[in-house]
Amino acid sequence: MLSQVFLFFSSLIFSLFLPRLPLATLPRLRVMDGQLAPFPSPQPIDKHLVAQLLLLRTIWNASFLFALIPLVLGFLILQSQPTALVFGLFIGAGWAILSRLIPTVAFAVPNTPYATDLIHQINELRVAEASCCTKPELAWEVAAVRCRNCYSTHLSHARPDLGRVRTDGWLGRLRLLLLDGHPIVTQSNEK
């Protein structure tokens, strides 16, 4: 009985975290270095950030395919005998797929931290001339895009994971797997 419970939970964790692994590992490879500011510094709004956001969106969308691996594995095991392992694989993979299909607030599918609208807004901030002060330097902080000189908020949107090499160790990697690229804070209430 205890072994069946262990098999269920291990297969559930495997099938939940497998689709999240590409986003947690691929952008952090030395080959994929996007010339971004080191973690956890605010990221300047530039062409490297827009390119990184487009890359992360592609990886996030492709990681949907990794949820199919536990489903196929579960189906193959189910052919020989039904076990708690198969149930965990089906539940975890189904949850991973549903979490990507459930719409956001504006019924935008998929529920991605790297929405096309957000990337367009960041690009517009990059291209447009900010008039908040004499020498504007826009940077994406944890809770919003602000000018580094006058601290005026230009976009009140929390920063998702940008795929930078992390310095917070295993706890940070666990947080990445749990949040699936979404920001750790909600949108800022500042005006």
N, C-alpha and C. Protein backbone atom coordinates (compact mmCIF):
# COMPACT_ATOMS: atom_id res chain seq x y z
N MET A 1 0.82 -1.19 0.00
CA MET A 1 0.00 0.00 0.00
C MET A 1 0.87 1.26 0.00
N LEU A 2 1.87 1.27 0.86
CA LEU A 2 2.76 2.42 0.95
C LEU A 2 3.55 2.60 -0.34
N SER A 3 3.92 1.50 -0.96
CA SER A 3 4.67 1.59 -2.22
C SER A 3 3.78 2.16 -3.33
N GLN A 4 2.50 1.86 -3.32
CA GLN A 4 1.58 2.40 -4.32
C GLN A 4 1.41 3.91 -4.16
N VAL A 5 1.34 4.35 -2.91
CA VAL A 5 1.24 5.80 -2.64
C VAL A 5 2.51 6.50 -3.10
N PHE A 6 3.66 5.90 -2.82
CA PHE A 6 4.93 6.46 -3.26
C PHE A 6 5.00 6.53 -4.78
N LEU A 7 4.58 5.47 -5.48
CA LEU A 7 4.57 5.46 -6.94
C LEU A 7 3.65 6.54 -7.49
N PHE A 8 2.48 6.71 -6.87
CA PHE A 8 1.54 7.73 -7.33
C PHE A 8 2.16 9.12 -7.22
N PHE A 9 2.69 9.46 -6.05
CA PHE A 9 3.22 10.81 -5.84
C PHE A 9 4.49 11.06 -6.66
N SER A 10 5.33 10.06 -6.82
CA SER A 10 6.54 10.26 -7.63
C SER A 10 6.18 10.45 -9.10
N SER A 11 5.22 9.71 -9.61
CA SER A 11 4.80 9.90 -11.00
C SER A 11 4.05 11.22 -11.18
N LEU A 12 3.32 11.64 -10.16
CA LEU A 12 2.62 12.93 -10.22
C LEU A 12 3.62 14.07 -10.29
N ILE A 13 4.63 14.04 -9.44
CA ILE A 13 5.65 15.10 -9.45
C ILE A 13 6.43 15.09 -10.75
N PHE A 14 6.78 13.91 -11.24
CA PHE A 14 7.50 13.78 -12.51
C PHE A 14 6.70 14.41 -13.64
N SER A 15 5.42 14.07 -13.74
CA SER A 15 4.62 14.56 -14.87
C SER A 15 4.23 16.03 -14.72
N LEU A 16 4.23 16.56 -13.50
CA LEU A 16 3.98 17.99 -13.32
C LEU A 16 5.19 18.84 -13.66
N PHE A 17 6.38 18.37 -13.31
CA PHE A 17 7.59 19.18 -13.48
C PHE A 17 8.29 18.96 -14.81
N LEU A 18 8.03 17.86 -15.50
CA LEU A 18 8.69 17.62 -16.78
C LEU A 18 8.41 18.72 -17.81
N PRO A 19 7.17 19.20 -17.97
CA PRO A 19 6.95 20.28 -18.94
C PRO A 19 7.61 21.60 -18.53
N ARG A 20 7.97 21.76 -17.28
CA ARG A 20 8.57 23.00 -16.80
C ARG A 20 10.09 23.00 -16.89
N LEU A 21 10.68 21.84 -17.09
CA LEU A 21 12.14 21.75 -17.15
C LEU A 21 12.79 22.52 -18.30
N PRO A 22 12.24 22.51 -19.52
CA PRO A 22 12.89 23.28 -20.59
C PRO A 22 13.00 24.77 -20.27
N LEU A 23 11.98 25.36 -19.68
CA LEU A 23 12.02 26.77 -19.34
C LEU A 23 13.00 27.05 -18.20
N ALA A 24 13.20 26.07 -17.34
CA ALA A 24 14.12 26.26 -16.21
C ALA A 24 15.57 25.99 -16.58
N THR A 25 15.81 25.28 -17.68
CA THR A 25 17.19 24.93 -18.02
C THR A 25 17.70 25.57 -19.31
N LEU A 26 16.96 25.52 -20.40
CA LEU A 26 17.46 25.96 -21.70
C LEU A 26 17.92 27.42 -21.73
N PRO A 27 17.15 28.39 -21.23
CA PRO A 27 17.62 29.78 -21.33
C PRO A 27 18.86 30.07 -20.49
N ARG A 28 19.18 29.21 -19.55
CA ARG A 28 20.30 29.45 -18.66
C ARG A 28 21.60 28.84 -19.15
N LEU A 29 21.56 28.17 -20.28
CA LEU A 29 22.78 27.62 -20.86
C LEU A 29 23.67 28.75 -21.37
N ARG A 30 24.96 28.54 -21.34
CA ARG A 30 25.90 29.58 -21.76
C ARG A 30 25.68 29.94 -23.23
N VAL A 31 25.28 28.98 -24.04
CA VAL A 31 25.04 29.23 -25.46
C VAL A 31 23.87 30.19 -25.65
N MET A 32 22.89 30.15 -24.75
CA MET A 32 21.67 30.96 -24.88
C MET A 32 21.78 32.30 -24.17
N ASP A 33 22.98 32.71 -23.78
CA ASP A 33 23.16 33.97 -23.06
C ASP A 33 22.63 35.12 -23.90
N GLY A 34 21.64 35.80 -23.38
CA GLY A 34 20.98 36.87 -24.13
C GLY A 34 21.51 38.25 -23.85
N GLN A 35 22.70 38.39 -23.30
CA GLN A 35 23.31 39.67 -22.97
C GLN A 35 22.40 40.49 -22.06
N LEU A 36 21.86 39.85 -21.05
CA LEU A 36 20.99 40.51 -20.10
C LEU A 36 21.77 40.91 -18.86
N ALA A 37 21.19 41.80 -18.07
CA ALA A 37 21.79 42.19 -16.80
C ALA A 37 21.81 40.98 -15.87
N PRO A 38 22.81 40.87 -15.01
CA PRO A 38 22.86 39.70 -14.12
C PRO A 38 21.68 39.70 -13.15
N PHE A 39 21.28 38.48 -12.79
CA PHE A 39 20.19 38.31 -11.82
C PHE A 39 20.66 38.78 -10.47
N PRO A 40 19.90 39.46 -9.67
CA PRO A 40 18.51 39.91 -9.75
C PRO A 40 18.37 41.39 -10.11
N SER A 41 19.37 41.97 -10.76
CA SER A 41 19.35 43.39 -11.12
C SER A 41 18.16 43.72 -12.02
N PRO A 42 17.69 44.97 -11.96
CA PRO A 42 16.65 45.37 -12.92
C PRO A 42 17.19 45.28 -14.34
N GLN A 43 16.35 44.80 -15.25
CA GLN A 43 16.77 44.60 -16.63
C GLN A 43 16.45 45.84 -17.46
N PRO A 44 17.47 46.46 -18.09
CA PRO A 44 17.19 47.61 -18.97
C PRO A 44 16.28 47.19 -20.13
N ILE A 45 15.45 48.11 -20.57
CA ILE A 45 14.54 47.86 -21.69
C ILE A 45 15.34 48.08 -22.98
N ASP A 46 15.72 47.00 -23.64
CA ASP A 46 16.50 47.10 -24.87
C ASP A 46 16.13 45.95 -25.80
N LYS A 47 16.81 45.88 -26.94
CA LYS A 47 16.48 44.85 -27.93
C LYS A 47 16.82 43.45 -27.42
N HIS A 48 17.80 43.33 -26.54
CA HIS A 48 18.14 42.02 -25.99
C HIS A 48 17.00 41.47 -25.12
N LEU A 49 16.33 42.36 -24.38
CA LEU A 49 15.20 41.93 -23.56
C LEU A 49 14.05 41.45 -24.42
N VAL A 50 13.74 42.18 -25.49
CA VAL A 50 12.65 41.78 -26.38
C VAL A 50 12.97 40.44 -27.03
N ALA A 51 14.21 40.26 -27.48
CA ALA A 51 14.61 38.99 -28.09
C ALA A 51 14.52 37.85 -27.08
N GLN A 52 14.93 38.11 -25.84
CA GLN A 52 14.86 37.08 -24.80
C GLN A 52 13.41 36.71 -24.48
N LEU A 53 12.53 37.71 -24.44
CA LEU A 53 11.11 37.43 -24.17
C LEU A 53 10.50 36.59 -25.30
N LEU A 54 10.87 36.87 -26.54
CA LEU A 54 10.37 36.06 -27.65
C LEU A 54 10.91 34.63 -27.59
N LEU A 55 12.16 34.48 -27.21
CA LEU A 55 12.74 33.15 -27.05
C LEU A 55 12.05 32.39 -25.92
N LEU A 56 11.82 33.05 -24.80
CA LEU A 56 11.16 32.40 -23.67
C LEU A 56 9.72 32.02 -24.00
N ARG A 57 9.05 32.85 -24.79
CA ARG A 57 7.69 32.51 -25.21
C ARG A 57 7.69 31.25 -26.08
N THR A 58 8.65 31.15 -26.97
CA THR A 58 8.76 29.97 -27.83
C THR A 58 9.05 28.71 -27.00
N ILE A 59 9.98 28.82 -26.06
CA ILE A 59 10.30 27.66 -25.21
C ILE A 59 9.09 27.28 -24.37
N TRP A 60 8.38 28.28 -23.82
CA TRP A 60 7.21 27.99 -22.98
C TRP A 60 6.14 27.28 -23.80
N ASN A 61 5.91 27.74 -25.03
CA ASN A 61 4.90 27.09 -25.88
C ASN A 61 5.33 25.69 -26.30
N ALA A 62 6.62 25.49 -26.57
CA ALA A 62 7.10 24.17 -26.98
C ALA A 62 7.13 23.19 -25.80
N SER A 63 7.25 23.71 -24.60
CA SER A 63 7.28 22.81 -23.44
C SER A 63 5.94 22.11 -23.22
N PHE A 64 4.92 22.58 -23.89
CA PHE A 64 3.62 21.92 -23.87
C PHE A 64 3.76 20.48 -24.36
N LEU A 65 4.65 20.25 -25.30
CA LEU A 65 4.86 18.91 -25.84
C LEU A 65 5.45 17.96 -24.81
N PHE A 66 6.20 18.51 -23.83
CA PHE A 66 6.78 17.65 -22.81
C PHE A 66 5.72 17.06 -21.88
N ALA A 67 4.53 17.64 -21.86
CA ALA A 67 3.44 17.08 -21.07
C ALA A 67 2.86 15.83 -21.74
N LEU A 68 3.13 15.67 -23.02
CA LEU A 68 2.63 14.48 -23.71
C LEU A 68 3.45 13.24 -23.38
N ILE A 69 4.70 13.42 -22.97
CA ILE A 69 5.56 12.27 -22.64
C ILE A 69 4.96 11.44 -21.51
N PRO A 70 4.56 12.05 -20.35
CA PRO A 70 3.94 11.22 -19.31
C PRO A 70 2.63 10.58 -19.75
N LEU A 71 1.88 11.26 -20.62
CA LEU A 71 0.63 10.66 -21.10
C LEU A 71 0.92 9.41 -21.93
N VAL A 72 1.87 9.49 -22.84
CA VAL A 72 2.23 8.33 -23.67
C VAL A 72 2.82 7.23 -22.80
N LEU A 73 3.69 7.61 -21.86
CA LEU A 73 4.28 6.63 -20.95
C LEU A 73 3.21 5.93 -20.13
N GLY A 74 2.25 6.71 -19.62
CA GLY A 74 1.15 6.13 -18.86
C GLY A 74 0.30 5.20 -19.69
N PHE A 75 0.06 5.57 -20.94
CA PHE A 75 -0.73 4.71 -21.82
C PHE A 75 0.00 3.40 -22.10
N LEU A 76 1.32 3.48 -22.30
CA LEU A 76 2.09 2.25 -22.56
C LEU A 76 2.11 1.34 -21.34
N ILE A 77 2.24 1.92 -20.15
CA ILE A 77 2.23 1.11 -18.93
C ILE A 77 0.83 0.54 -18.68
N LEU A 78 -0.19 1.30 -19.03
CA LEU A 78 -1.57 0.86 -18.84
C LEU A 78 -1.89 -0.37 -19.70
N GLN A 79 -1.19 -0.54 -20.80
CA GLN A 79 -1.39 -1.70 -21.66
C GLN A 79 -1.05 -3.01 -20.94
N SER A 80 -0.05 -2.94 -20.04
CA SER A 80 0.34 -4.17 -19.34
C SER A 80 -0.44 -4.36 -18.04
N GLN A 81 -0.58 -3.29 -17.25
CA GLN A 81 -1.37 -3.41 -16.01
C GLN A 81 -1.66 -2.02 -15.43
N PRO A 82 -2.84 -1.82 -14.87
CA PRO A 82 -3.15 -0.54 -14.25
C PRO A 82 -2.51 -0.45 -12.87
N THR A 83 -1.81 0.63 -12.63
CA THR A 83 -1.17 0.85 -11.33
C THR A 83 -1.36 2.29 -10.91
N ALA A 84 -0.95 2.57 -9.70
CA ALA A 84 -1.00 3.95 -9.20
C ALA A 84 -0.03 4.84 -9.97
N LEU A 85 1.01 4.25 -10.51
CA LEU A 85 1.97 4.99 -11.31
C LEU A 85 1.28 5.63 -12.52
N VAL A 86 0.44 4.87 -13.19
CA VAL A 86 -0.28 5.37 -14.37
C VAL A 86 -1.24 6.48 -13.97
N PHE A 87 -1.92 6.29 -12.87
CA PHE A 87 -2.87 7.31 -12.40
C PHE A 87 -2.13 8.63 -12.12
N GLY A 88 -0.98 8.56 -11.48
CA GLY A 88 -0.19 9.75 -11.21
C GLY A 88 0.30 10.43 -12.48
N LEU A 89 0.71 9.63 -13.46
CA LEU A 89 1.16 10.19 -14.74
C LEU A 89 0.03 10.90 -15.45
N PHE A 90 -1.16 10.28 -15.48
CA PHE A 90 -2.31 10.90 -16.14
C PHE A 90 -2.76 12.18 -15.43
N ILE A 91 -2.83 12.14 -14.11
CA ILE A 91 -3.28 13.32 -13.36
C ILE A 91 -2.29 14.47 -13.52
N GLY A 92 -1.01 14.19 -13.37
CA GLY A 92 0.01 15.23 -13.48
C GLY A 92 0.09 15.83 -14.87
N ALA A 93 0.10 14.98 -15.90
CA ALA A 93 0.18 15.48 -17.27
C ALA A 93 -1.09 16.24 -17.64
N GLY A 94 -2.23 15.74 -17.21
CA GLY A 94 -3.49 16.45 -17.48
C GLY A 94 -3.52 17.81 -16.82
N TRP A 95 -3.01 17.88 -15.58
CA TRP A 95 -2.97 19.16 -14.89
C TRP A 95 -1.99 20.12 -15.57
N ALA A 96 -0.85 19.62 -16.02
CA ALA A 96 0.12 20.46 -16.72
C ALA A 96 -0.47 21.01 -18.02
N ILE A 97 -1.21 20.19 -18.74
CA ILE A 97 -1.84 20.65 -19.98
C ILE A 97 -2.94 21.66 -19.68
N LEU A 98 -3.78 21.36 -18.69
CA LEU A 98 -4.86 22.30 -18.34
C LEU A 98 -4.33 23.63 -17.83
N SER A 99 -3.23 23.62 -17.10
CA SER A 99 -2.69 24.89 -16.60
C SER A 99 -2.21 25.78 -17.73
N ARG A 100 -1.90 25.19 -18.86
CA ARG A 100 -1.49 26.00 -20.01
C ARG A 100 -2.68 26.39 -20.88
N LEU A 101 -3.81 25.72 -20.73
CA LEU A 101 -4.97 26.01 -21.56
C LEU A 101 -6.01 26.90 -20.90
N ILE A 102 -5.99 26.97 -19.57
CA ILE A 102 -6.98 27.78 -18.87
C ILE A 102 -6.71 29.25 -19.17
N PRO A 103 -7.72 30.00 -19.61
CA PRO A 103 -7.51 31.40 -19.99
C PRO A 103 -7.15 32.28 -18.80
N THR A 104 -6.52 33.40 -19.13
CA THR A 104 -6.18 34.40 -18.12
C THR A 104 -7.36 35.31 -17.90
N VAL A 105 -7.11 36.45 -17.31
CA VAL A 105 -8.18 37.39 -16.98
C VAL A 105 -8.96 37.84 -18.21
N ALA A 106 -8.25 38.13 -19.30
CA ALA A 106 -8.91 38.61 -20.52
C ALA A 106 -9.23 37.46 -21.47
N PHE A 107 -9.33 36.25 -20.94
CA PHE A 107 -9.60 35.05 -21.73
C PHE A 107 -8.57 34.87 -22.83
N ALA A 108 -7.32 35.18 -22.50
CA ALA A 108 -6.22 34.98 -23.45
C ALA A 108 -5.67 33.57 -23.27
N VAL A 109 -5.63 32.82 -24.34
CA VAL A 109 -5.08 31.47 -24.30
C VAL A 109 -3.81 31.50 -25.15
N PRO A 110 -2.72 30.95 -24.74
CA PRO A 110 -2.49 30.22 -23.51
C PRO A 110 -2.18 31.14 -22.35
N ASN A 111 -2.24 30.58 -21.16
CA ASN A 111 -2.00 31.31 -19.92
C ASN A 111 -0.48 31.38 -19.71
N THR A 112 0.17 32.23 -20.46
CA THR A 112 1.62 32.30 -20.47
C THR A 112 2.12 33.54 -19.73
N PRO A 113 3.26 33.43 -19.06
CA PRO A 113 3.85 34.63 -18.47
C PRO A 113 4.47 35.53 -19.52
N TYR A 114 4.61 35.04 -20.75
CA TYR A 114 5.23 35.80 -21.83
C TYR A 114 4.19 36.06 -22.93
N ALA A 115 3.16 36.80 -22.58
CA ALA A 115 2.08 37.09 -23.51
C ALA A 115 2.57 38.01 -24.63
N THR A 116 1.97 37.85 -25.78
CA THR A 116 2.33 38.68 -26.93
C THR A 116 2.07 40.15 -26.65
N ASP A 117 0.97 40.45 -25.96
CA ASP A 117 0.66 41.84 -25.62
C ASP A 117 1.75 42.45 -24.74
N LEU A 118 2.24 41.68 -23.79
CA LEU A 118 3.30 42.17 -22.91
C LEU A 118 4.58 42.44 -23.70
N ILE A 119 4.92 41.54 -24.61
CA ILE A 119 6.13 41.74 -25.42
C ILE A 119 5.98 42.97 -26.30
N HIS A 120 4.79 43.20 -26.85
CA HIS A 120 4.54 44.40 -27.65
C HIS A 120 4.67 45.66 -26.80
N GLN A 121 4.14 45.63 -25.58
CA GLN A 121 4.25 46.79 -24.70
C GLN A 121 5.70 47.09 -24.35
N ILE A 122 6.48 46.06 -24.07
CA ILE A 122 7.90 46.25 -23.77
C ILE A 122 8.63 46.82 -24.99
N ASN A 123 8.30 46.31 -26.16
CA ASN A 123 8.93 46.82 -27.37
C ASN A 123 8.54 48.27 -27.64
N GLU A 124 7.29 48.62 -27.38
CA GLU A 124 6.85 50.01 -27.55
C GLU A 124 7.61 50.94 -26.59
N LEU A 125 7.83 50.48 -25.37
CA LEU A 125 8.61 51.28 -24.43
C LEU A 125 10.05 51.42 -24.90
N ARG A 126 10.57 50.39 -25.53
CA ARG A 126 11.94 50.44 -26.04
C ARG A 126 12.08 51.43 -27.19
N VAL A 127 11.10 51.42 -28.09
CA VAL A 127 11.16 52.26 -29.29
C VAL A 127 10.79 53.71 -28.99
N ALA A 128 9.80 53.92 -28.14
CA ALA A 128 9.30 55.27 -27.86
C ALA A 128 10.29 56.06 -27.01
N GLU A 129 10.23 57.34 -27.17
CA GLU A 129 11.05 58.24 -26.36
C GLU A 129 10.30 58.55 -25.07
N ALA A 130 10.85 58.12 -23.95
CA ALA A 130 10.22 58.40 -22.66
C ALA A 130 10.45 59.87 -22.31
N SER A 131 9.41 60.52 -21.78
CA SER A 131 9.51 61.94 -21.45
C SER A 131 9.30 62.18 -19.96
N CYS A 132 9.72 61.25 -19.15
CA CYS A 132 9.49 61.39 -17.71
C CYS A 132 10.52 62.32 -17.07
N CYS A 133 11.72 62.38 -17.63
CA CYS A 133 12.76 63.25 -17.08
C CYS A 133 13.73 63.61 -18.21
N THR A 134 14.78 64.32 -17.87
CA THR A 134 15.72 64.76 -18.90
C THR A 134 16.55 63.63 -19.48
N LYS A 135 16.85 62.63 -18.68
CA LYS A 135 17.67 61.50 -19.13
C LYS A 135 17.02 60.19 -18.69
N PRO A 136 15.95 59.74 -19.40
CA PRO A 136 15.25 58.52 -18.97
C PRO A 136 16.06 57.26 -19.25
N GLU A 137 16.07 56.37 -18.27
CA GLU A 137 16.67 55.05 -18.40
C GLU A 137 15.66 54.06 -17.86
N LEU A 138 14.93 53.41 -18.76
CA LEU A 138 13.89 52.47 -18.34
C LEU A 138 14.50 51.12 -18.00
N ALA A 139 14.02 50.55 -16.91
CA ALA A 139 14.47 49.22 -16.49
C ALA A 139 13.28 48.48 -15.90
N TRP A 140 13.24 47.17 -16.13
CA TRP A 140 12.16 46.33 -15.61
C TRP A 140 12.56 45.80 -14.26
N GLU A 141 11.96 46.37 -13.23
CA GLU A 141 12.21 45.92 -11.87
C GLU A 141 11.28 44.75 -11.57
N VAL A 142 11.25 44.29 -10.34
CA VAL A 142 10.45 43.12 -9.98
C VAL A 142 8.96 43.38 -10.18
N ALA A 143 8.50 44.58 -9.84
CA ALA A 143 7.06 44.85 -9.86
C ALA A 143 6.59 45.72 -11.03
N ALA A 144 7.49 46.44 -11.69
CA ALA A 144 7.06 47.35 -12.75
C ALA A 144 8.25 47.81 -13.58
N VAL A 145 7.94 48.43 -14.73
CA VAL A 145 8.98 49.08 -15.54
C VAL A 145 9.04 50.54 -15.08
N ARG A 146 10.21 50.92 -14.58
CA ARG A 146 10.38 52.28 -14.04
C ARG A 146 11.62 52.92 -14.64
N CYS A 147 11.63 54.25 -14.57
CA CYS A 147 12.82 55.02 -14.94
C CYS A 147 13.80 54.94 -13.78
N ARG A 148 15.06 54.68 -14.08
CA ARG A 148 16.07 54.58 -13.03
C ARG A 148 16.40 55.93 -12.40
N ASN A 149 16.16 57.01 -13.14
CA ASN A 149 16.53 58.33 -12.63
C ASN A 149 15.42 59.00 -11.82
N CYS A 150 14.20 59.01 -12.34
CA CYS A 150 13.11 59.71 -11.65
C CYS A 150 12.11 58.75 -10.99
N TYR A 151 12.27 57.46 -11.19
CA TYR A 151 11.43 56.41 -10.57
C TYR A 151 9.96 56.48 -10.97
N SER A 152 9.65 57.07 -12.11
CA SER A 152 8.25 57.07 -12.56
C SER A 152 7.95 55.72 -13.23
N THR A 153 6.74 55.23 -13.00
CA THR A 153 6.33 53.93 -13.51
C THR A 153 5.79 54.08 -14.93
N HIS A 154 6.34 53.28 -15.86
CA HIS A 154 5.90 53.32 -17.25
C HIS A 154 5.02 52.14 -17.61
N LEU A 155 5.19 51.02 -16.93
CA LEU A 155 4.35 49.84 -17.15
C LEU A 155 4.22 49.11 -15.83
N SER A 156 3.01 48.99 -15.36
CA SER A 156 2.76 48.35 -14.07
C SER A 156 2.48 46.86 -14.28
N HIS A 157 3.54 46.13 -14.58
CA HIS A 157 3.43 44.69 -14.79
C HIS A 157 4.63 44.02 -14.14
N ALA A 158 4.36 43.01 -13.34
CA ALA A 158 5.44 42.30 -12.64
C ALA A 158 6.30 41.55 -13.65
N ARG A 159 7.58 41.48 -13.36
CA ARG A 159 8.54 40.85 -14.27
C ARG A 159 8.52 39.33 -14.12
N PRO A 160 8.26 38.60 -15.23
CA PRO A 160 8.36 37.14 -15.16
C PRO A 160 9.83 36.73 -15.15
N ASP A 161 10.06 35.45 -15.09
CA ASP A 161 11.43 34.96 -15.16
C ASP A 161 11.99 35.29 -16.54
N LEU A 162 13.20 35.85 -16.58
CA LEU A 162 13.80 36.27 -17.84
C LEU A 162 14.84 35.29 -18.36
N GLY A 163 15.00 34.14 -17.70
CA GLY A 163 15.94 33.15 -18.18
C GLY A 163 17.38 33.47 -17.87
N ARG A 164 17.61 34.32 -16.88
CA ARG A 164 18.99 34.68 -16.52
C ARG A 164 19.55 33.63 -15.56
N VAL A 165 20.86 33.50 -15.55
CA VAL A 165 21.52 32.58 -14.63
C VAL A 165 21.26 33.08 -13.22
N ARG A 166 20.77 32.20 -12.37
CA ARG A 166 20.34 32.58 -11.04
C ARG A 166 21.46 32.39 -10.02
N THR A 167 21.42 33.22 -8.99
CA THR A 167 22.41 33.12 -7.92
C THR A 167 21.79 32.65 -6.61
N ASP A 168 20.51 32.29 -6.63
CA ASP A 168 19.85 31.90 -5.38
C ASP A 168 19.80 30.39 -5.16
N GLY A 169 20.58 29.64 -5.89
CA GLY A 169 20.76 28.21 -5.62
C GLY A 169 19.54 27.35 -5.89
N TRP A 170 19.47 26.25 -5.12
CA TRP A 170 18.40 25.26 -5.32
C TRP A 170 17.03 25.80 -4.97
N LEU A 171 16.95 26.71 -4.01
CA LEU A 171 15.67 27.29 -3.66
C LEU A 171 15.09 28.10 -4.83
N GLY A 172 15.94 28.82 -5.53
CA GLY A 172 15.51 29.57 -6.71
C GLY A 172 15.07 28.66 -7.83
N ARG A 173 15.78 27.55 -8.02
CA ARG A 173 15.39 26.60 -9.06
C ARG A 173 14.06 25.93 -8.74
N LEU A 174 13.85 25.64 -7.47
CA LEU A 174 12.57 25.07 -7.06
C LEU A 174 11.44 26.07 -7.29
N ARG A 175 11.69 27.34 -6.98
CA ARG A 175 10.69 28.37 -7.22
C ARG A 175 10.37 28.49 -8.71
N LEU A 176 11.39 28.36 -9.57
CA LEU A 176 11.17 28.38 -11.01
C LEU A 176 10.26 27.24 -11.45
N LEU A 177 10.51 26.06 -10.91
CA LEU A 177 9.69 24.91 -11.28
C LEU A 177 8.26 25.06 -10.79
N LEU A 178 8.10 25.62 -9.61
CA LEU A 178 6.75 25.78 -9.07
C LEU A 178 5.96 26.88 -9.77
N LEU A 179 6.62 27.99 -10.12
CA LEU A 179 5.91 29.13 -10.72
C LEU A 179 5.80 29.06 -12.24
N ASP A 180 6.59 28.20 -12.88
CA ASP A 180 6.51 28.00 -14.33
C ASP A 180 6.74 29.29 -15.11
N GLY A 181 7.66 30.13 -14.65
CA GLY A 181 8.00 31.36 -15.35
C GLY A 181 7.17 32.56 -14.95
N HIS A 182 6.08 32.35 -14.23
CA HIS A 182 5.24 33.47 -13.82
C HIS A 182 5.95 34.30 -12.74
N PRO A 183 5.61 35.59 -12.63
CA PRO A 183 6.25 36.42 -11.61
C PRO A 183 5.88 35.97 -10.19
N ILE A 184 6.78 36.24 -9.27
CA ILE A 184 6.54 35.85 -7.88
C ILE A 184 5.59 36.83 -7.18
N VAL A 185 5.50 38.05 -7.70
CA VAL A 185 4.61 39.07 -7.14
C VAL A 185 3.49 39.33 -8.14
N THR A 186 2.40 39.89 -7.64
CA THR A 186 1.30 40.27 -8.52
C THR A 186 1.61 41.65 -9.09
N GLN A 187 0.72 42.11 -9.97
CA GLN A 187 0.95 43.41 -10.59
C GLN A 187 0.98 44.50 -9.54
N SER A 188 1.80 45.51 -9.82
CA SER A 188 1.99 46.62 -8.89
C SER A 188 0.75 47.49 -8.84
N ASN A 189 0.45 48.03 -7.65
CA ASN A 189 -0.69 48.92 -7.49
C ASN A 189 -0.30 50.37 -7.58
N GLU A 190 0.99 50.66 -7.82
CA GLU A 190 1.44 52.05 -7.93
C GLU A 190 0.92 52.68 -9.19
N LYS A 191 0.76 54.01 -9.13
CA LYS A 191 0.34 54.77 -10.32
C LYS A 191 1.53 55.49 -10.91
